[in-house]
Amino acid sequence: MKKLFLLFCLILLSFDLNAQLFYSNEPLAHTYSIVARDPKTGEMGVAVQSHWFSVGSIVSWGEAGVGVIATQSFVNPSFGQRGLEMLKQGMTAQEVVDLLIASDEGRDFRQLAIVDAKGNSAAYTGSKCIPEAGHIVGDNYCVEANLMLSNLVWSEMSKAFESSDEPLAERLIGALEAAQNVGGDIRGQQSAAILVVKGEATGKLWEDRYIDLRVEDHPEPVKEIKRLMKVFRAYEHMNNGDLAVEKNDMKLAMEHYSAAMKMFPENLEMKYWTAVTLVNNGQLEEALSMFKEIFSIDDNWRKLTPRLTKVGMLNADEKTLEKIIKQ
């Protein structure tokens, strides 16, 4: 016990007073991340991966019509909310970075990146961020990393982002993949997150916060966040299909449900609503084979079906309903 105590004291003495203070008071998020804006849509986003639990809960910040922020290394969580408030006051990304860093005694241990709603971008890497550490400020984006296996991480992230023409969310995840492909975090992987907000605020938070996905603890979080992004796109089709049903546009609903089902053909719910829409479109025979497959796997969908006729979601008379149920 005495030897352990002496070792602990030696470790503490190897750092200056500020280092001790920030190591004990601030959460660690040694990681790689990207903040970016799509000039075509105005959408802004943050994507991050770290060998740290629930990295998205402390690193990622964003608000529609305002900007996006990634605060990492020995994280100063206040940078997120304070930074957004400063952006709201009309400051540029660079002005906010400068003010936040100047006001922080732990600045040498911080890493910070901001993109504002006009596409201005700025970043900072403290001199005591653990190598390999660095950042790149590009047009409408910043990439940043610390405690990396290789100093290629942020340049590869930049190349991946700039070379992609996919939607913003997929470009952000592509940057994370590029980082991981050259080694990523020297400690390995644990969590990842992606946040995308709209370019202009509507006041409807459920719409302004467009994408908010997290992988809190996983052996391959970047692969998992990419899988979740695909699921998100599929359910985006499902939601659009539901909206079309509300407007009684069954043709459009069918298009969206079919698109979702093609993305995840093993998903019973997507198949089920596609089958329901086929019935509503007068394509009963095509729907029956789908119902048969669904019911054979999970009989609860059979039990659900009669309830839909009661609320007008399934346009089937008694004879048609009986035919469906017997599948």
C-alpha atoms as a PDB file:
ATOM      1  CA  MET A   1       0.000   0.000   0.000  1.00  0.00           C
ATOM      2  CA  LYS A   2       2.826   2.410   0.928  1.00  0.00           C
ATOM      3  CA  LYS A   3       4.580   1.756  -2.413  1.00  0.00           C
ATOM      4  CA  LEU A   4       1.362   2.477  -4.315  1.00  0.00           C
ATOM      5  CA  PHE A   5       0.903   5.725  -2.429  1.00  0.00           C
ATOM      6  CA  LEU A   6       4.477   6.849  -3.187  1.00  0.00           C
ATOM      7  CA  LEU A   7       3.992   5.981  -6.856  1.00  0.00           C
ATOM      8  CA  PHE A   8       0.787   8.018  -6.948  1.00  0.00           C
ATOM      9  CA  CYS A   9       2.591  11.012  -5.427  1.00  0.00           C
ATOM     10  CA  LEU A  10       5.378  10.765  -8.017  1.00  0.00           C
ATOM     11  CA  ILE A  11       2.820  10.747 -10.821  1.00  0.00           C
ATOM     12  CA  LEU A  12       1.167  13.853  -9.437  1.00  0.00           C
ATOM     13  CA  LEU A  13       4.494  15.631  -9.123  1.00  0.00           C
ATOM     14  CA  SER A  14       5.258  14.909 -12.769  1.00  0.00           C
ATOM     15  CA  PHE A  15       2.514  17.362 -13.794  1.00  0.00           C
ATOM     16  CA  ASP A  16       2.161  21.044 -13.025  1.00  0.00           C
ATOM     17  CA  LEU A  17      -0.588  22.348 -10.739  1.00  0.00           C
ATOM     18  CA  ASN A  18      -2.947  23.186 -13.570  1.00  0.00           C
ATOM     19  CA  ALA A  19      -2.625  19.706 -15.022  1.00  0.00           C
ATOM     20  CA  GLN A  20      -3.540  18.198 -11.676  1.00  0.00           C
ATOM     21  CA  LEU A  21      -6.568  20.456 -11.403  1.00  0.00           C
ATOM     22  CA  PHE A  22      -7.900  19.707 -14.869  1.00  0.00           C
ATOM     23  CA  TYR A  23      -7.214  15.996 -14.716  1.00  0.00           C
ATOM     24  CA  SER A  24      -9.269  15.728 -11.544  1.00  0.00           C
ATOM     25  CA  ASN A  25     -12.147  18.070 -12.401  1.00  0.00           C
ATOM     26  CA  GLU A  26     -12.789  17.657 -16.119  1.00  0.00           C
ATOM     27  CA  PRO A  27     -14.051  14.603 -18.054  1.00  0.00           C
ATOM     28  CA  LEU A  28     -11.628  13.061 -20.530  1.00  0.00           C
ATOM     29  CA  ALA A  29     -12.632  12.741 -24.158  1.00  0.00           C
ATOM     30  CA  HIS A  30      -9.439  12.026 -26.058  1.00  0.00           C
ATOM     31  CA  THR A  31     -10.897  11.462 -29.436  1.00  0.00           C
ATOM     32  CA  TYR A  32     -11.405  12.472 -33.041  1.00  0.00           C
ATOM     33  CA  SER A  33     -14.328  14.513 -34.320  1.00  0.00           C
ATOM     34  CA  ILE A  34     -15.634  16.678 -37.127  1.00  0.00           C
ATOM     35  CA  VAL A  35     -17.918  19.710 -37.164  1.00  0.00           C
ATOM     36  CA  ALA A  36     -19.324  20.762 -40.516  1.00  0.00           C
ATOM     37  CA  ARG A  37     -21.974  22.618 -42.482  1.00  0.00           C
ATOM     38  CA  ASP A  38     -23.558  21.684 -45.804  1.00  0.00           C
ATOM     39  CA  PRO A  39     -23.684  24.904 -47.859  1.00  0.00           C
ATOM     40  CA  LYS A  40     -26.443  23.450 -50.062  1.00  0.00           C
ATOM     41  CA  THR A  41     -28.918  22.588 -47.315  1.00  0.00           C
ATOM     42  CA  GLY A  42     -27.588  24.713 -44.454  1.00  0.00           C
ATOM     43  CA  GLU A  43     -27.562  21.634 -42.202  1.00  0.00           C
ATOM     44  CA  MET A  44     -24.809  21.531 -39.579  1.00  0.00           C
ATOM     45  CA  GLY A  45     -23.433  18.511 -37.782  1.00  0.00           C
ATOM     46  CA  VAL A  46     -20.973  16.973 -35.343  1.00  0.00           C
ATOM     47  CA  ALA A  47     -19.637  13.420 -35.440  1.00  0.00           C
ATOM     48  CA  VAL A  48     -17.260  11.938 -32.886  1.00  0.00           C
ATOM     49  CA  GLN A  49     -15.637   8.683 -31.734  1.00  0.00           C
ATOM     50  CA  SER A  50     -13.618   7.944 -28.611  1.00  0.00           C
ATOM     51  CA  HIS A  51     -12.367   5.203 -26.349  1.00  0.00           C
ATOM     52  CA  TRP A  52     -14.576   6.724 -23.658  1.00  0.00           C
ATOM     53  CA  PHE A  53     -18.100   5.958 -22.522  1.00  0.00           C
ATOM     54  CA  SER A  54     -20.923   8.086 -23.979  1.00  0.00           C
ATOM     55  CA  VAL A  55     -18.656  10.549 -25.774  1.00  0.00           C
ATOM     56  CA  GLY A  56     -21.548  12.294 -27.511  1.00  0.00           C
ATOM     57  CA  SER A  57     -23.015  13.473 -24.216  1.00  0.00           C
ATOM     58  CA  ILE A  58     -20.085  15.815 -23.530  1.00  0.00           C
ATOM     59  CA  VAL A  59     -18.382  16.523 -26.870  1.00  0.00           C
ATOM     60  CA  SER A  60     -21.250  17.286 -29.277  1.00  0.00           C
ATOM     61  CA  TRP A  61     -23.228  20.541 -29.222  1.00  0.00           C
ATOM     62  CA  GLY A  62     -25.441  22.096 -31.849  1.00  0.00           C
ATOM     63  CA  GLU A  63     -28.446  24.322 -32.417  1.00  0.00           C
ATOM     64  CA  ALA A  64     -30.404  24.967 -35.597  1.00  0.00           C
ATOM     65  CA  GLY A  65     -29.668  28.342 -37.139  1.00  0.00           C
ATOM     66  CA  VAL A  66     -26.758  28.873 -34.739  1.00  0.00           C
ATOM     67  CA  GLY A  67     -23.868  26.440 -35.154  1.00  0.00           C
ATOM     68  CA  VAL A  68     -22.149  23.254 -34.043  1.00  0.00           C
ATOM     69  CA  ILE A  69     -19.367  22.730 -31.518  1.00  0.00           C
ATOM     70  CA  ALA A  70     -17.027  19.897 -30.518  1.00  0.00           C
ATOM     71  CA  THR A  71     -15.219  20.333 -27.178  1.00  0.00           C
ATOM     72  CA  GLN A  72     -12.723  17.562 -26.403  1.00  0.00           C
ATOM     73  CA  SER A  73      -9.384  16.425 -24.956  1.00  0.00           C
ATOM     74  CA  PHE A  74      -9.739  17.342 -21.245  1.00  0.00           C
ATOM     75  CA  VAL A  75     -13.239  18.589 -21.932  1.00  0.00           C
ATOM     76  CA  ASN A  76     -14.542  21.918 -20.730  1.00  0.00           C
ATOM     77  CA  PRO A  77     -18.274  21.122 -21.086  1.00  0.00           C
ATOM     78  CA  SER A  78     -19.216  24.785 -20.613  1.00  0.00           C
ATOM     79  CA  PHE A  79     -17.684  25.543 -24.014  1.00  0.00           C
ATOM     80  CA  GLY A  80     -20.732  23.937 -25.630  1.00  0.00           C
ATOM     81  CA  GLN A  81     -23.533  26.011 -24.144  1.00  0.00           C
ATOM     82  CA  ARG A  82     -21.473  29.186 -23.773  1.00  0.00           C
ATOM     83  CA  GLY A  83     -20.252  28.882 -27.333  1.00  0.00           C
ATOM     84  CA  LEU A  84     -23.762  28.561 -28.725  1.00  0.00           C
ATOM     85  CA  GLU A  85     -24.892  31.595 -26.734  1.00  0.00           C
ATOM     86  CA  MET A  86     -21.996  33.645 -28.125  1.00  0.00           C
ATOM     87  CA  LEU A  87     -22.860  32.570 -31.671  1.00  0.00           C
ATOM     88  CA  LYS A  88     -26.451  33.695 -31.057  1.00  0.00           C
ATOM     89  CA  GLN A  89     -25.113  37.131 -30.179  1.00  0.00           C
ATOM     90  CA  GLY A  90     -23.617  37.401 -33.662  1.00  0.00           C
ATOM     91  CA  MET A  91     -20.020  36.389 -32.995  1.00  0.00           C
ATOM     92  CA  THR A  92     -18.176  34.356 -35.612  1.00  0.00           C
ATOM     93  CA  ALA A  93     -16.761  30.902 -34.997  1.00  0.00           C
ATOM     94  CA  GLN A  94     -13.241  32.333 -34.688  1.00  0.00           C
ATOM     95  CA  GLU A  95     -14.321  35.027 -32.241  1.00  0.00           C
ATOM     96  CA  VAL A  96     -16.020  32.449 -30.049  1.00  0.00           C
ATOM     97  CA  VAL A  97     -13.014  30.113 -30.077  1.00  0.00           C
ATOM     98  CA  ASP A  98     -10.701  32.984 -29.175  1.00  0.00           C
ATOM     99  CA  LEU A  99     -12.875  34.185 -26.285  1.00  0.00           C
ATOM    100  CA  LEU A 100     -13.515  30.739 -24.834  1.00  0.00           C
ATOM    101  CA  ILE A 101      -9.867  29.746 -24.950  1.00  0.00           C
ATOM    102  CA  ALA A 102      -8.660  33.065 -23.541  1.00  0.00           C
ATOM    103  CA  SER A 103     -11.010  32.724 -20.567  1.00  0.00           C
ATOM    104  CA  ASP A 104      -9.905  29.179 -19.683  1.00  0.00           C
ATOM    105  CA  GLU A 105      -6.938  28.459 -17.413  1.00  0.00           C
ATOM    106  CA  GLY A 106      -6.889  24.914 -18.770  1.00  0.00           C
ATOM    107  CA  ARG A 107      -6.535  26.080 -22.361  1.00  0.00           C
ATOM    108  CA  ASP A 108      -3.335  24.095 -22.957  1.00  0.00           C
ATOM    109  CA  PHE A 109      -5.248  20.849 -22.413  1.00  0.00           C
ATOM    110  CA  ARG A 110      -8.279  21.747 -24.554  1.00  0.00           C
ATOM    111  CA  GLN A 111      -9.318  21.038 -28.087  1.00  0.00           C
ATOM    112  CA  LEU A 112     -12.204  22.978 -29.567  1.00  0.00           C
ATOM    113  CA  ALA A 113     -13.834  23.284 -32.994  1.00  0.00           C
ATOM    114  CA  ILE A 114     -16.753  25.409 -34.139  1.00  0.00           C
ATOM    115  CA  VAL A 115     -18.691  25.985 -37.349  1.00  0.00           C
ATOM    116  CA  ASP A 116     -21.327  28.719 -37.341  1.00  0.00           C
ATOM    117  CA  ALA A 117     -24.516  29.008 -39.386  1.00  0.00           C
ATOM    118  CA  LYS A 118     -22.741  31.111 -42.024  1.00  0.00           C
ATOM    119  CA  GLY A 119     -20.101  28.458 -42.591  1.00  0.00           C
ATOM    120  CA  ASN A 120     -17.295  30.193 -40.711  1.00  0.00           C
ATOM    121  CA  SER A 121     -15.040  27.596 -39.100  1.00  0.00           C
ATOM    122  CA  ALA A 122     -12.382  27.734 -36.395  1.00  0.00           C
ATOM    123  CA  ALA A 123     -10.452  25.310 -34.215  1.00  0.00           C
ATOM    124  CA  TYR A 124      -7.874  25.194 -31.432  1.00  0.00           C
ATOM    125  CA  THR A 125      -5.510  22.499 -30.166  1.00  0.00           C
ATOM    126  CA  GLY A 126      -3.756  23.157 -26.860  1.00  0.00           C
ATOM    127  CA  SER A 127      -0.018  22.621 -26.587  1.00  0.00           C
ATOM    128  CA  LYS A 128      -0.482  19.932 -23.920  1.00  0.00           C
ATOM    129  CA  CYS A 129      -3.054  17.810 -25.753  1.00  0.00           C
ATOM    130  CA  ILE A 130      -1.612  14.302 -25.830  1.00  0.00           C
ATOM    131  CA  PRO A 131       0.112  13.475 -29.140  1.00  0.00           C
ATOM    132  CA  GLU A 132      -0.649  12.650 -31.774  1.00  0.00           C
ATOM    133  CA  ALA A 133      -2.894  15.709 -31.799  1.00  0.00           C
ATOM    134  CA  GLY A 134      -3.897  18.293 -34.358  1.00  0.00           C
ATOM    135  CA  HIS A 135      -6.666  19.849 -36.430  1.00  0.00           C
ATOM    136  CA  ILE A 136      -7.510  21.185 -39.872  1.00  0.00           C
ATOM    137  CA  VAL A 137      -9.801  24.123 -40.547  1.00  0.00           C
ATOM    138  CA  GLY A 138     -11.453  23.824 -43.944  1.00  0.00           C
ATOM    139  CA  ASP A 139     -14.263  25.431 -45.891  1.00  0.00           C
ATOM    140  CA  ASN A 140     -17.427  24.904 -43.807  1.00  0.00           C
ATOM    141  CA  TYR A 141     -15.760  22.276 -41.591  1.00  0.00           C
ATOM    142  CA  CYS A 142     -13.072  21.432 -39.022  1.00  0.00           C
ATOM    143  CA  VAL A 143     -11.539  18.082 -38.131  1.00  0.00           C
ATOM    144  CA  GLU A 144      -9.647  17.547 -34.878  1.00  0.00           C
ATOM    145  CA  ALA A 145      -8.025  14.695 -32.979  1.00  0.00           C
ATOM    146  CA  ASN A 146      -5.848  13.945 -29.980  1.00  0.00           C
ATOM    147  CA  LEU A 147      -4.247  10.835 -28.441  1.00  0.00           C
ATOM    148  CA  MET A 148      -4.183   9.239 -31.877  1.00  0.00           C
ATOM    149  CA  LEU A 149      -2.132   6.277 -33.014  1.00  0.00           C
ATOM    150  CA  SER A 150      -0.998   8.222 -36.075  1.00  0.00           C
ATOM    151  CA  ASN A 151      -0.663  11.866 -37.094  1.00  0.00           C
ATOM    152  CA  LEU A 152      -2.474  10.980 -40.340  1.00  0.00           C
ATOM    153  CA  VAL A 153      -5.883  10.913 -38.655  1.00  0.00           C
ATOM    154  CA  TRP A 154      -7.070  14.482 -39.141  1.00  0.00           C
ATOM    155  CA  SER A 155      -5.684  14.814 -42.669  1.00  0.00           C
ATOM    156  CA  GLU A 156      -7.435  11.602 -43.724  1.00  0.00           C
ATOM    157  CA  MET A 157     -10.663  12.844 -42.159  1.00  0.00           C
ATOM    158  CA  SER A 158     -10.328  16.061 -44.144  1.00  0.00           C
ATOM    159  CA  LYS A 159      -9.719  14.199 -47.409  1.00  0.00           C
ATOM    160  CA  ALA A 160     -12.682  11.890 -46.846  1.00  0.00           C
ATOM    161  CA  PHE A 161     -15.038  14.741 -46.079  1.00  0.00           C
ATOM    162  CA  GLU A 162     -13.952  16.895 -48.999  1.00  0.00           C
ATOM    163  CA  SER A 163     -14.091  14.048 -51.515  1.00  0.00           C
ATOM    164  CA  SER A 164     -17.655  12.957 -50.687  1.00  0.00           C
ATOM    165  CA  ASP A 165     -20.854  14.282 -52.259  1.00  0.00           C
ATOM    166  CA  GLU A 166     -23.221  12.330 -49.995  1.00  0.00           C
ATOM    167  CA  PRO A 167     -25.684  13.998 -47.583  1.00  0.00           C
ATOM    168  CA  LEU A 168     -23.998  15.716 -44.638  1.00  0.00           C
ATOM    169  CA  ALA A 169     -24.630  12.933 -42.113  1.00  0.00           C
ATOM    170  CA  GLU A 170     -23.051  10.283 -44.338  1.00  0.00           C
ATOM    171  CA  ARG A 171     -20.074  12.572 -45.031  1.00  0.00           C
ATOM    172  CA  LEU A 172     -19.525  13.016 -41.301  1.00  0.00           C
ATOM    173  CA  ILE A 173     -19.558   9.279 -40.704  1.00  0.00           C
ATOM    174  CA  GLY A 174     -17.230   8.819 -43.665  1.00  0.00           C
ATOM    175  CA  ALA A 175     -14.741  11.096 -41.911  1.00  0.00           C
ATOM    176  CA  LEU A 176     -14.943   8.924 -38.778  1.00  0.00           C
ATOM    177  CA  GLU A 177     -14.315   5.824 -40.886  1.00  0.00           C
ATOM    178  CA  ALA A 178     -11.279   7.467 -42.468  1.00  0.00           C
ATOM    179  CA  ALA A 179      -9.880   8.229 -39.020  1.00  0.00           C
ATOM    180  CA  GLN A 180     -10.365   4.666 -37.870  1.00  0.00           C
ATOM    181  CA  ASN A 181      -8.808   3.272 -41.037  1.00  0.00           C
ATOM    182  CA  VAL A 182      -5.466   4.884 -40.138  1.00  0.00           C
ATOM    183  CA  GLY A 183      -5.518   3.761 -36.529  1.00  0.00           C
ATOM    184  CA  GLY A 184      -7.822   6.215 -34.760  1.00  0.00           C
ATOM    185  CA  ASP A 185      -7.580   6.524 -30.983  1.00  0.00           C
ATOM    186  CA  ILE A 186      -4.424   4.791 -29.731  1.00  0.00           C
ATOM    187  CA  ARG A 187      -6.472   3.203 -26.915  1.00  0.00           C
ATOM    188  CA  GLY A 188      -9.072   1.709 -29.240  1.00  0.00           C
ATOM    189  CA  GLN A 189     -12.811   2.302 -29.688  1.00  0.00           C
ATOM    190  CA  GLN A 190     -15.810   2.564 -27.384  1.00  0.00           C
ATOM    191  CA  SER A 191     -18.460   5.153 -28.259  1.00  0.00           C
ATOM    192  CA  ALA A 192     -19.572   7.345 -31.138  1.00  0.00           C
ATOM    193  CA  ALA A 193     -22.234   9.933 -31.880  1.00  0.00           C
ATOM    194  CA  ILE A 194     -23.652  12.042 -34.671  1.00  0.00           C
ATOM    195  CA  LEU A 195     -25.753  15.174 -34.312  1.00  0.00           C
ATOM    196  CA  VAL A 196     -27.229  17.095 -37.266  1.00  0.00           C
ATOM    197  CA  VAL A 197     -29.330  20.248 -36.899  1.00  0.00           C
ATOM    198  CA  LYS A 198     -31.207  22.289 -39.492  1.00  0.00           C
ATOM    199  CA  GLY A 199     -29.690  25.384 -41.015  1.00  0.00           C
ATOM    200  CA  GLU A 200     -32.587  27.564 -39.900  1.00  0.00           C
ATOM    201  CA  ALA A 201     -34.509  27.290 -36.649  1.00  0.00           C
ATOM    202  CA  THR A 202     -38.255  26.708 -36.840  1.00  0.00           C
ATOM    203  CA  GLY A 203     -38.892  26.738 -33.104  1.00  0.00           C
ATOM    204  CA  LYS A 204     -39.914  23.080 -33.344  1.00  0.00           C
ATOM    205  CA  LEU A 205     -37.084  21.294 -31.578  1.00  0.00           C
ATOM    206  CA  TRP A 206     -38.255  17.893 -32.796  1.00  0.00           C
ATOM    207  CA  GLU A 207     -37.709  19.089 -36.356  1.00  0.00           C
ATOM    208  CA  ASP A 208     -34.693  21.348 -35.826  1.00  0.00           C
ATOM    209  CA  ARG A 209     -32.684  18.525 -34.242  1.00  0.00           C
ATOM    210  CA  TYR A 210     -32.724  16.438 -37.397  1.00  0.00           C
ATOM    211  CA  ILE A 211     -30.429  13.520 -36.471  1.00  0.00           C
ATOM    212  CA  ASP A 212     -29.265  12.581 -32.979  1.00  0.00           C
ATOM    213  CA  LEU A 213     -27.744   9.096 -32.773  1.00  0.00           C
ATOM    214  CA  ARG A 214     -25.396   7.682 -30.145  1.00  0.00           C
ATOM    215  CA  VAL A 215     -23.508   4.472 -29.567  1.00  0.00           C
ATOM    216  CA  GLU A 216     -22.576   4.604 -25.901  1.00  0.00           C
ATOM    217  CA  ASP A 217     -20.495   1.425 -25.505  1.00  0.00           C
ATOM    218  CA  HIS A 218     -19.571  -0.874 -28.394  1.00  0.00           C
ATOM    219  CA  PRO A 219     -16.483  -2.716 -29.676  1.00  0.00           C
ATOM    220  CA  GLU A 220     -16.865  -1.092 -33.111  1.00  0.00           C
ATOM    221  CA  PRO A 221     -18.842   2.130 -32.579  1.00  0.00           C
ATOM    222  CA  VAL A 222     -18.077   3.673 -35.973  1.00  0.00           C
ATOM    223  CA  LYS A 223     -19.473   0.646 -37.793  1.00  0.00           C
ATOM    224  CA  GLU A 224     -22.442   0.658 -35.451  1.00  0.00           C
ATOM    225  CA  ILE A 225     -23.191   4.376 -35.917  1.00  0.00           C
ATOM    226  CA  LYS A 226     -23.036   3.790 -39.689  1.00  0.00           C
ATOM    227  CA  ARG A 227     -25.536   0.937 -39.335  1.00  0.00           C
ATOM    228  CA  LEU A 228     -27.821   3.127 -37.215  1.00  0.00           C
ATOM    229  CA  MET A 229     -27.616   5.855 -39.833  1.00  0.00           C
ATOM    230  CA  LYS A 230     -28.901   3.384 -42.428  1.00  0.00           C
ATOM    231  CA  VAL A 231     -31.721   2.424 -40.057  1.00  0.00           C
ATOM    232  CA  PHE A 232     -32.494   6.119 -39.611  1.00  0.00           C
ATOM    233  CA  ARG A 233     -32.798   6.573 -43.385  1.00  0.00           C
ATOM    234  CA  ALA A 234     -35.086   3.549 -43.632  1.00  0.00           C
ATOM    235  CA  TYR A 235     -37.362   4.834 -40.887  1.00  0.00           C
ATOM    236  CA  GLU A 236     -37.287   8.255 -42.519  1.00  0.00           C
ATOM    237  CA  HIS A 237     -39.009   6.550 -45.437  1.00  0.00           C
ATOM    238  CA  MET A 238     -41.409   4.887 -42.990  1.00  0.00           C
ATOM    239  CA  ASN A 239     -42.279   8.234 -41.406  1.00  0.00           C
ATOM    240  CA  ASN A 240     -42.826   9.801 -44.819  1.00  0.00           C
ATOM    241  CA  GLY A 241     -45.029   6.844 -45.698  1.00  0.00           C
ATOM    242  CA  ASP A 242     -47.085   7.442 -42.560  1.00  0.00           C
ATOM    243  CA  LEU A 243     -47.513  11.094 -43.519  1.00  0.00           C
ATOM    244  CA  ALA A 244     -48.673  10.055 -46.967  1.00  0.00           C
ATOM    245  CA  VAL A 245     -51.232   7.694 -45.390  1.00  0.00           C
ATOM    246  CA  GLU A 246     -52.530  10.570 -43.259  1.00  0.00           C
ATOM    247  CA  LYS A 247     -53.080  12.519 -46.496  1.00  0.00           C
ATOM    248  CA  ASN A 248     -54.652   9.457 -48.150  1.00  0.00           C
ATOM    249  CA  ASP A 249     -51.891   9.369 -50.775  1.00  0.00           C
ATOM    250  CA  MET A 250     -51.477   5.602 -50.857  1.00  0.00           C
ATOM    251  CA  LYS A 251     -49.304   5.622 -53.976  1.00  0.00           C
ATOM    252  CA  LEU A 252     -46.696   7.825 -52.309  1.00  0.00           C
ATOM    253  CA  ALA A 253     -46.999   5.833 -49.082  1.00  0.00           C
ATOM    254  CA  MET A 254     -46.279   2.658 -51.020  1.00  0.00           C
ATOM    255  CA  GLU A 255     -43.176   4.201 -52.574  1.00  0.00           C
ATOM    256  CA  HIS A 256     -41.757   5.137 -49.166  1.00  0.00           C
ATOM    257  CA  TYR A 257     -42.666   1.864 -47.448  1.00  0.00           C
ATOM    258  CA  SER A 258     -41.157  -0.125 -50.315  1.00  0.00           C
ATOM    259  CA  ALA A 259     -37.946   1.906 -50.171  1.00  0.00           C
ATOM    260  CA  ALA A 260     -37.657   1.252 -46.431  1.00  0.00           C
ATOM    261  CA  MET A 261     -38.340  -2.456 -46.876  1.00  0.00           C
ATOM    262  CA  LYS A 262     -35.660  -2.770 -49.541  1.00  0.00           C
ATOM    263  CA  MET A 263     -33.120  -1.272 -47.144  1.00  0.00           C
ATOM    264  CA  PHE A 264     -34.037  -3.721 -44.353  1.00  0.00           C
ATOM    265  CA  PRO A 265     -35.942  -6.668 -45.868  1.00  0.00           C
ATOM    266  CA  GLU A 266     -35.617  -8.641 -42.620  1.00  0.00           C
ATOM    267  CA  ASN A 267     -37.482  -5.963 -40.636  1.00  0.00           C
ATOM    268  CA  LEU A 268     -40.993  -7.315 -40.013  1.00  0.00           C
ATOM    269  CA  GLU A 269     -42.557  -3.947 -39.219  1.00  0.00           C
ATOM    270  CA  MET A 270     -41.437  -2.440 -42.499  1.00  0.00           C
ATOM    271  CA  LYS A 271     -42.821  -5.478 -44.348  1.00  0.00           C
ATOM    272  CA  TYR A 272     -46.052  -5.319 -42.406  1.00  0.00           C
ATOM    273  CA  TRP A 273     -46.880  -1.695 -43.212  1.00  0.00           C
ATOM    274  CA  THR A 274     -45.919  -2.298 -46.821  1.00  0.00           C
ATOM    275  CA  ALA A 275     -48.423  -5.174 -46.910  1.00  0.00           C
ATOM    276  CA  VAL A 276     -51.096  -2.986 -45.284  1.00  0.00           C
ATOM    277  CA  THR A 277     -50.519  -0.299 -47.883  1.00  0.00           C
ATOM    278  CA  LEU A 278     -50.743  -2.859 -50.685  1.00  0.00           C
ATOM    279  CA  VAL A 279     -54.201  -3.840 -49.408  1.00  0.00           C
ATOM    280  CA  ASN A 280     -55.224  -0.194 -49.244  1.00  0.00           C
ATOM    281  CA  ASN A 281     -54.026   0.170 -52.847  1.00  0.00           C
ATOM    282  CA  GLY A 282     -56.159  -2.770 -53.964  1.00  0.00           C
ATOM    283  CA  GLN A 283     -53.230  -5.172 -54.357  1.00  0.00           C
ATOM    284  CA  LEU A 284     -54.529  -7.854 -52.012  1.00  0.00           C
ATOM    285  CA  GLU A 285     -52.934 -10.908 -53.621  1.00  0.00           C
ATOM    286  CA  GLU A 286     -49.481  -9.352 -53.472  1.00  0.00           C
ATOM    287  CA  ALA A 287     -50.066  -8.428 -49.827  1.00  0.00           C
ATOM    288  CA  LEU A 288     -51.230 -11.890 -48.766  1.00  0.00           C
ATOM    289  CA  SER A 289     -47.884 -13.557 -49.373  1.00  0.00           C
ATOM    290  CA  MET A 290     -46.206 -10.880 -47.286  1.00  0.00           C
ATOM    291  CA  PHE A 291     -48.701 -11.280 -44.453  1.00  0.00           C
ATOM    292  CA  LYS A 292     -48.143 -15.038 -44.516  1.00  0.00           C
ATOM    293  CA  GLU A 293     -44.388 -14.617 -44.104  1.00  0.00           C
ATOM    294  CA  ILE A 294     -44.798 -12.039 -41.321  1.00  0.00           C
ATOM    295  CA  PHE A 295     -47.388 -14.050 -39.369  1.00  0.00           C
ATOM    296  CA  SER A 296     -45.282 -17.216 -39.580  1.00  0.00           C
ATOM    297  CA  ILE A 297     -42.429 -15.426 -37.809  1.00  0.00           C
ATOM    298  CA  ASP A 298     -44.408 -13.426 -35.246  1.00  0.00           C
ATOM    299  CA  ASP A 299     -48.110 -14.093 -34.648  1.00  0.00           C
ATOM    300  CA  ASN A 300     -48.591 -10.803 -32.800  1.00  0.00           C
ATOM    301  CA  TRP A 301     -48.791  -9.038 -36.172  1.00  0.00           C
ATOM    302  CA  ARG A 302     -51.801 -11.232 -37.000  1.00  0.00           C
ATOM    303  CA  LYS A 303     -53.450 -10.190 -33.723  1.00  0.00           C
ATOM    304  CA  LEU A 304     -52.781  -6.528 -34.494  1.00  0.00           C
ATOM    305  CA  THR A 305     -54.354  -6.569 -37.966  1.00  0.00           C
ATOM    306  CA  PRO A 306     -58.091  -6.469 -37.016  1.00  0.00           C
ATOM    307  CA  ARG A 307     -57.432  -3.444 -34.836  1.00  0.00           C
ATOM    308  CA  LEU A 308     -56.338  -1.446 -37.868  1.00  0.00           C
ATOM    309  CA  THR A 309     -59.740  -1.767 -39.561  1.00  0.00           C
ATOM    310  CA  LYS A 310     -61.382  -0.198 -36.497  1.00  0.00           C
ATOM    311  CA  VAL A 311     -59.365   3.005 -36.857  1.00  0.00           C
ATOM    312  CA  GLY A 312     -59.421   3.162 -40.658  1.00  0.00           C
ATOM    313  CA  MET A 313     -55.772   2.267 -41.229  1.00  0.00           C
ATOM    314  CA  LEU A 314     -56.624  -0.942 -43.097  1.00  0.00           C
ATOM    315  CA  ASN A 315     -59.309  -0.683 -45.762  1.00  0.00           C
ATOM    316  CA  ALA A 316     -60.659  -4.232 -45.623  1.00  0.00           C
ATOM    317  CA  ASP A 317     -64.193  -5.570 -45.345  1.00  0.00           C
ATOM    318  CA  GLU A 318     -64.925  -8.630 -43.166  1.00  0.00           C
ATOM    319  CA  LYS A 319     -64.294 -11.076 -46.000  1.00  0.00           C
ATOM    320  CA  THR A 320     -60.959  -9.486 -46.924  1.00  0.00           C
ATOM    321  CA  LEU A 321     -59.887  -9.258 -43.283  1.00  0.00           C
ATOM    322  CA  GLU A 322     -60.707 -12.923 -42.750  1.00  0.00           C
ATOM    323  CA  LYS A 323     -58.620 -13.825 -45.790  1.00  0.00           C
ATOM    324  CA  ILE A 324     -55.686 -11.890 -44.387  1.00  0.00           C
ATOM    325  CA  ILE A 325     -55.974 -13.344 -40.896  1.00  0.00           C
ATOM    326  CA  LYS A 326     -56.011 -16.923 -42.220  1.00  0.00           C
ATOM    327  CA  GLN A 327     -52.602 -16.529 -43.818  1.00  0.00           C
END
